[in-house]
C-alpha cells in the first residue's frame, strides 16, 4: 500500500512537473522578411557635407587658410626636458643636504648637465 502511494505521488509530481516544462519552451525564431526588389537609387547625388565632412568646419563663402604646425617643441618633449631638469635639481639638492661640496665630481656633473643648452 505504501509503495502504491509512493508511486502515485512520484507519477503525480512528474506529470505536474512536465506541464510547466512544456509551457516554458519557446518556438523557433522566424527569420525577418526579405524583399525581393532592390532598393531604388536616390534621386540626386548625396550632399557634399556627407562626402566631405571637413566642409562643415570652414566658413561659408571663403576658403580657409591652410594651418601650419607650430614651430615649437612638442609638448611631450617639453615635459621630458622639464622632468629631466627637475630630476637633476633634486639630485643637486640631495647632494647639498648630504654635505657634498660643490667641487665634488658628482656635483660638477650635475651642474654641467643643468647648464647645457636646451635643458
N, C-alpha and C. Protein backbone atom coordinates (compact mmCIF):
# COMPACT_ATOMS: atom_id res chain seq x y z
N UNK A 1 0.81 -1.18 0.00
CA UNK A 1 0.00 0.00 0.00
C UNK A 1 0.86 1.25 0.00
N UNK A 2 1.92 1.22 0.84
CA UNK A 2 2.80 2.38 0.88
C UNK A 2 3.52 2.56 -0.46
N UNK A 3 3.89 1.45 -1.06
CA UNK A 3 4.57 1.56 -2.35
C UNK A 3 3.63 2.12 -3.41
N UNK A 4 2.42 1.75 -3.38
CA UNK A 4 1.46 2.25 -4.36
C UNK A 4 1.28 3.74 -4.19
N UNK A 5 1.20 4.20 -2.93
CA UNK A 5 1.06 5.64 -2.69
C UNK A 5 2.33 6.39 -3.12
N UNK A 6 3.48 5.79 -2.87
CA UNK A 6 4.74 6.43 -3.26
C UNK A 6 4.82 6.55 -4.78
N UNK A 7 4.45 5.46 -5.49
CA UNK A 7 4.47 5.51 -6.95
C UNK A 7 3.44 6.49 -7.48
N UNK A 8 2.33 6.57 -6.83
CA UNK A 8 1.29 7.52 -7.26
C UNK A 8 1.78 8.95 -7.07
N UNK A 9 2.48 9.20 -5.96
CA UNK A 9 3.00 10.55 -5.70
C UNK A 9 4.08 10.92 -6.72
N UNK A 10 4.95 9.96 -7.02
CA UNK A 10 6.01 10.22 -8.00
C UNK A 10 5.41 10.48 -9.37
N UNK A 11 4.41 9.70 -9.74
CA UNK A 11 3.75 9.88 -11.02
C UNK A 11 3.06 11.24 -11.09
N UNK A 12 2.39 11.62 -10.00
CA UNK A 12 1.68 12.90 -9.97
C UNK A 12 2.67 14.06 -10.07
N UNK A 13 3.80 13.95 -9.37
CA UNK A 13 4.80 15.02 -9.43
C UNK A 13 5.46 15.11 -10.80
N UNK A 14 5.72 13.98 -11.40
CA UNK A 14 6.36 14.02 -12.72
C UNK A 14 5.42 14.59 -13.77
N UNK A 15 4.13 14.27 -13.68
CA UNK A 15 3.15 14.81 -14.61
C UNK A 15 2.98 16.31 -14.37
N UNK A 16 2.96 16.73 -13.10
CA UNK A 16 2.81 18.15 -12.77
C UNK A 16 4.05 18.92 -13.19
N UNK A 17 5.23 18.30 -13.08
CA UNK A 17 6.47 18.97 -13.48
C UNK A 17 6.62 19.04 -14.98
N UNK A 18 6.02 18.15 -15.70
CA UNK A 18 6.14 18.13 -17.16
C UNK A 18 5.34 19.26 -17.79
N UNK A 19 4.21 19.60 -17.21
CA UNK A 19 3.38 20.64 -17.79
C UNK A 19 4.08 21.99 -17.80
N UNK A 20 4.69 22.46 -16.66
CA UNK A 20 5.39 23.74 -16.72
C UNK A 20 6.61 23.69 -17.63
N UNK A 21 7.26 22.52 -17.72
CA UNK A 21 8.42 22.43 -18.60
C UNK A 21 8.01 22.61 -20.06
N UNK A 22 6.85 22.09 -20.42
CA UNK A 22 6.38 22.26 -21.78
C UNK A 22 5.93 23.69 -22.03
N UNK A 23 5.42 24.34 -21.00
CA UNK A 23 4.96 25.71 -21.16
C UNK A 23 6.14 26.66 -21.32
N UNK A 24 7.31 26.27 -20.86
CA UNK A 24 8.47 27.16 -20.92
C UNK A 24 9.21 27.08 -22.25
N UNK A 25 8.89 26.15 -23.08
CA UNK A 25 9.59 26.07 -24.36
C UNK A 25 9.14 27.20 -25.26
N UNK A 26 10.06 27.66 -26.10
CA UNK A 26 9.74 28.77 -26.99
C UNK A 26 9.80 28.28 -28.43
N UNK A 27 9.03 28.90 -29.29
CA UNK A 27 9.06 28.50 -30.70
C UNK A 27 10.39 28.93 -31.33
N UNK A 28 10.71 28.31 -32.42
CA UNK A 28 11.93 28.66 -33.15
C UNK A 28 11.80 30.08 -33.68
N UNK A 29 12.90 30.85 -33.69
CA UNK A 29 12.81 32.22 -34.20
C UNK A 29 12.52 32.22 -35.70
N UNK A 30 11.77 33.19 -36.12
CA UNK A 30 11.40 33.32 -37.52
C UNK A 30 12.34 34.34 -38.18
N UNK A 31 12.91 34.02 -39.32
CA UNK A 31 13.81 34.99 -39.97
C UNK A 31 13.03 36.23 -40.42
N UNK A 32 13.69 37.36 -40.51
CA UNK A 32 12.99 38.58 -40.92
C UNK A 32 12.57 38.49 -42.38
N UNK A 33 11.53 39.20 -42.75
CA UNK A 33 11.09 39.16 -44.14
C UNK A 33 12.12 39.82 -45.05
N UNK A 34 12.29 39.28 -46.22
CA UNK A 34 13.25 39.80 -47.19
C UNK A 34 12.48 40.23 -48.42
N UNK A 35 12.74 41.45 -48.85
CA UNK A 35 12.08 41.96 -50.04
C UNK A 35 12.84 41.50 -51.27
N UNK A 36 12.16 40.96 -52.27
CA UNK A 36 12.86 40.51 -53.48
C UNK A 36 13.30 41.69 -54.35
N UNK A 37 12.71 42.85 -54.18
CA UNK A 37 13.04 44.01 -55.03
C UNK A 37 14.25 44.74 -54.47
N UNK A 38 15.06 45.28 -55.37
CA UNK A 38 16.22 46.08 -54.97
C UNK A 38 15.75 47.46 -54.56
N UNK A 39 16.43 48.11 -53.63
CA UNK A 39 16.02 49.47 -53.26
C UNK A 39 16.27 50.43 -54.42
N UNK A 40 15.44 51.44 -54.49
CA UNK A 40 15.57 52.41 -55.56
C UNK A 40 16.75 53.34 -55.28
N UNK A 41 17.50 53.72 -56.32
CA UNK A 41 18.61 54.64 -56.11
C UNK A 41 18.08 56.03 -55.77
N UNK A 42 18.87 56.83 -55.03
CA UNK A 42 18.39 58.17 -54.69
C UNK A 42 18.22 59.02 -55.94
N UNK A 43 17.35 60.01 -55.84
CA UNK A 43 17.05 60.86 -56.99
C UNK A 43 18.18 61.81 -57.35
N UNK A 44 19.04 62.17 -56.39
CA UNK A 44 20.14 63.09 -56.67
C UNK A 44 21.39 62.61 -55.94
N UNK A 45 22.50 63.29 -56.19
CA UNK A 45 23.77 62.93 -55.54
C UNK A 45 23.71 63.28 -54.05
N UNK A 46 24.48 62.58 -53.21
CA UNK A 46 24.47 62.91 -51.78
C UNK A 46 25.06 64.30 -51.53
N UNK A 47 24.70 64.84 -50.42
CA UNK A 47 25.16 66.18 -50.04
C UNK A 47 26.68 66.21 -49.91
N UNK A 48 27.32 67.31 -50.31
CA UNK A 48 28.78 67.40 -50.16
C UNK A 48 29.21 67.32 -48.69
N UNK A 49 28.36 67.72 -47.78
CA UNK A 49 28.70 67.62 -46.35
C UNK A 49 28.89 66.16 -45.95
N UNK A 50 28.12 65.26 -46.56
CA UNK A 50 28.25 63.84 -46.24
C UNK A 50 29.51 63.24 -46.84
N UNK A 51 29.89 63.68 -48.02
CA UNK A 51 31.05 63.11 -48.68
C UNK A 51 32.36 63.83 -48.31
N UNK A 52 32.26 65.09 -47.86
CA UNK A 52 33.43 65.89 -47.48
C UNK A 52 33.15 66.58 -46.14
N UNK A 53 33.26 65.86 -45.01
CA UNK A 53 32.85 66.43 -43.73
C UNK A 53 33.67 67.64 -43.29
N UNK A 54 34.88 67.83 -43.82
CA UNK A 54 35.68 68.98 -43.41
C UNK A 54 35.05 70.29 -43.86
N UNK A 55 34.14 70.25 -44.83
CA UNK A 55 33.45 71.46 -45.27
C UNK A 55 32.60 72.06 -44.15
N UNK A 56 32.19 71.25 -43.25
CA UNK A 56 31.35 71.71 -42.15
C UNK A 56 32.07 72.73 -41.28
N UNK A 57 33.38 72.62 -41.17
CA UNK A 57 34.16 73.48 -40.28
C UNK A 57 34.75 74.69 -40.98
N UNK A 58 34.49 74.87 -42.27
CA UNK A 58 35.00 76.02 -42.99
C UNK A 58 33.95 77.12 -43.01
N UNK A 59 34.40 78.37 -42.96
CA UNK A 59 33.43 79.47 -43.07
C UNK A 59 32.78 79.45 -44.45
N UNK A 60 31.52 79.83 -44.49
CA UNK A 60 30.77 79.78 -45.74
C UNK A 60 31.22 80.91 -46.66
N UNK A 61 31.47 80.60 -47.93
CA UNK A 61 31.75 81.60 -48.93
C UNK A 61 33.21 81.93 -49.14
N UNK A 62 34.12 81.48 -48.28
CA UNK A 62 35.54 81.77 -48.50
C UNK A 62 36.36 80.56 -48.09
N UNK A 63 37.48 80.44 -48.72
CA UNK A 63 38.36 79.31 -48.43
C UNK A 63 39.17 79.61 -47.16
N UNK A 64 39.35 78.63 -46.36
CA UNK A 64 40.13 78.80 -45.13
C UNK A 64 41.62 78.69 -45.46
N UNK A 65 42.43 79.47 -44.76
CA UNK A 65 43.87 79.42 -44.96
C UNK A 65 44.41 78.12 -44.38
N UNK A 66 45.37 77.51 -45.06
CA UNK A 66 45.93 76.27 -44.51
C UNK A 66 46.64 76.54 -43.18
N UNK A 67 46.49 75.63 -42.28
CA UNK A 67 47.07 75.77 -40.95
C UNK A 67 48.41 75.04 -40.94
N UNK A 68 49.46 75.77 -40.55
CA UNK A 68 50.77 75.14 -40.46
C UNK A 68 51.02 74.72 -39.02
N UNK A 69 51.75 73.65 -38.84
CA UNK A 69 52.02 73.21 -37.48
C UNK A 69 52.94 74.20 -36.76
N UNK A 70 52.82 74.32 -35.46
CA UNK A 70 53.66 75.27 -34.73
C UNK A 70 55.13 74.84 -34.79
N UNK A 71 56.01 75.84 -34.78
CA UNK A 71 57.44 75.57 -34.88
C UNK A 71 58.08 75.31 -33.52
N UNK A 72 57.29 75.15 -32.49
CA UNK A 72 57.83 74.91 -31.15
C UNK A 72 58.05 73.43 -30.92
N UNK A 73 58.68 73.14 -29.82
CA UNK A 73 58.93 71.76 -29.45
C UNK A 73 57.60 71.11 -29.05
N UNK A 74 57.49 69.85 -29.34
CA UNK A 74 56.27 69.12 -29.00
C UNK A 74 56.08 69.12 -27.49
N UNK A 75 54.83 69.15 -27.00
CA UNK A 75 54.58 69.17 -25.56
C UNK A 75 55.20 67.99 -24.82
N UNK A 76 55.23 66.84 -25.45
CA UNK A 76 55.79 65.67 -24.76
C UNK A 76 57.29 65.86 -24.56
N UNK A 77 57.98 66.41 -25.59
CA UNK A 77 59.41 66.67 -25.45
C UNK A 77 59.67 67.71 -24.37
N UNK A 78 58.83 68.74 -24.31
CA UNK A 78 58.98 69.75 -23.27
C UNK A 78 58.80 69.12 -21.89
N UNK A 79 57.81 68.25 -21.77
CA UNK A 79 57.58 67.59 -20.49
C UNK A 79 58.78 66.74 -20.10
N UNK A 80 59.35 66.02 -21.06
CA UNK A 80 60.52 65.19 -20.77
C UNK A 80 61.69 66.05 -20.32
N UNK A 81 61.90 67.18 -21.02
CA UNK A 81 63.01 68.05 -20.66
C UNK A 81 62.80 68.66 -19.27
N UNK A 82 61.59 69.08 -18.96
CA UNK A 82 61.31 69.64 -17.64
C UNK A 82 61.48 68.59 -16.56
N UNK A 83 61.03 67.38 -16.84
CA UNK A 83 61.17 66.30 -15.87
C UNK A 83 62.64 65.99 -15.63
N UNK A 84 63.44 65.97 -16.70
CA UNK A 84 64.87 65.68 -16.59
C UNK A 84 65.55 66.77 -15.76
N UNK A 85 65.23 68.04 -16.04
CA UNK A 85 65.81 69.15 -15.28
C UNK A 85 65.39 69.07 -13.82
N UNK A 86 64.15 68.75 -13.57
CA UNK A 86 63.67 68.62 -12.19
C UNK A 86 64.40 67.51 -11.45
N UNK A 87 64.65 66.41 -12.15
CA UNK A 87 65.40 65.30 -11.53
C UNK A 87 66.82 65.73 -11.18
N UNK A 88 67.45 66.48 -12.09
CA UNK A 88 68.81 66.96 -11.83
C UNK A 88 68.84 67.90 -10.63
N UNK A 89 67.86 68.79 -10.55
CA UNK A 89 67.80 69.72 -9.41
C UNK A 89 67.57 68.96 -8.10
N UNK A 90 66.76 67.91 -8.15
CA UNK A 90 66.52 67.09 -6.95
C UNK A 90 67.81 66.40 -6.52
N UNK A 91 68.57 65.90 -7.50
CA UNK A 91 69.85 65.25 -7.17
C UNK A 91 70.82 66.26 -6.57
N UNK A 92 70.81 67.48 -7.12
CA UNK A 92 71.69 68.53 -6.61
C UNK A 92 71.33 68.88 -5.16
N UNK A 93 70.04 69.03 -4.88
CA UNK A 93 69.59 69.31 -3.50
C UNK A 93 69.96 68.18 -2.55
N UNK A 94 69.80 66.95 -3.03
CA UNK A 94 70.13 65.80 -2.18
C UNK A 94 71.62 65.81 -1.83
N UNK A 95 72.47 66.14 -2.81
CA UNK A 95 73.91 66.23 -2.53
C UNK A 95 74.21 67.34 -1.54
N UNK A 96 73.52 68.49 -1.70
CA UNK A 96 73.72 69.60 -0.75
C UNK A 96 73.30 69.20 0.65
N UNK A 97 72.18 68.49 0.77
CA UNK A 97 71.70 68.05 2.09
C UNK A 97 72.64 67.04 2.73
N UNK A 98 73.36 66.29 1.91
CA UNK A 98 74.31 65.31 2.43
C UNK A 98 75.64 65.96 2.79
N UNK A 99 75.80 67.24 2.46
CA UNK A 99 77.03 67.95 2.78
C UNK A 99 78.11 67.78 1.73
N UNK A 100 77.75 67.35 0.53
CA UNK A 100 78.73 67.19 -0.54
C UNK A 100 79.11 68.59 -1.04
N UNK A 101 80.40 68.82 -1.21
CA UNK A 101 80.86 70.15 -1.62
C UNK A 101 80.60 70.38 -3.11
N UNK A 102 80.41 71.65 -3.51
CA UNK A 102 80.20 71.96 -4.92
C UNK A 102 81.39 71.61 -5.80
N UNK A 103 82.54 71.35 -5.23
CA UNK A 103 83.70 70.99 -6.03
C UNK A 103 83.79 69.50 -6.32
N UNK A 104 82.92 68.69 -5.77
CA UNK A 104 82.99 67.25 -5.97
C UNK A 104 82.61 66.90 -7.41
N UNK A 105 83.10 65.77 -7.93
CA UNK A 105 82.79 65.38 -9.32
C UNK A 105 81.29 65.17 -9.56
N UNK A 106 80.58 64.60 -8.60
CA UNK A 106 79.13 64.37 -8.77
C UNK A 106 78.40 65.70 -8.93
N UNK A 107 78.74 66.65 -8.07
CA UNK A 107 78.07 67.96 -8.08
C UNK A 107 78.38 68.68 -9.39
N UNK A 108 79.65 68.63 -9.84
CA UNK A 108 80.04 69.29 -11.08
C UNK A 108 79.34 68.67 -12.29
N UNK A 109 79.19 67.34 -12.30
CA UNK A 109 78.48 66.68 -13.41
C UNK A 109 77.05 67.18 -13.52
N UNK A 110 76.40 67.28 -12.39
CA UNK A 110 75.01 67.76 -12.39
C UNK A 110 74.96 69.21 -12.87
N UNK A 111 75.90 70.04 -12.41
CA UNK A 111 75.93 71.44 -12.84
C UNK A 111 76.14 71.55 -14.35
N UNK A 112 77.03 70.73 -14.90
CA UNK A 112 77.27 70.76 -16.34
C UNK A 112 76.02 70.36 -17.12
N UNK A 113 75.32 69.36 -16.63
CA UNK A 113 74.09 68.92 -17.33
C UNK A 113 73.02 69.98 -17.25
N UNK A 114 72.95 70.69 -16.13
CA UNK A 114 71.95 71.76 -15.99
C UNK A 114 72.29 72.95 -16.89
N UNK A 115 73.54 73.17 -17.18
CA UNK A 115 73.94 74.34 -17.96
C UNK A 115 73.95 74.06 -19.46
N UNK A 116 73.71 72.83 -19.87
CA UNK A 116 73.68 72.51 -21.30
C UNK A 116 72.51 73.23 -21.96
N UNK A 117 72.72 73.75 -23.17
CA UNK A 117 71.61 74.44 -23.85
C UNK A 117 70.47 73.48 -24.18
N UNK A 118 69.26 74.01 -24.08
CA UNK A 118 68.08 73.21 -24.40
C UNK A 118 67.63 72.34 -23.25
N UNK A 119 68.20 72.49 -22.09
CA UNK A 119 67.78 71.68 -20.94
C UNK A 119 67.37 72.55 -19.81
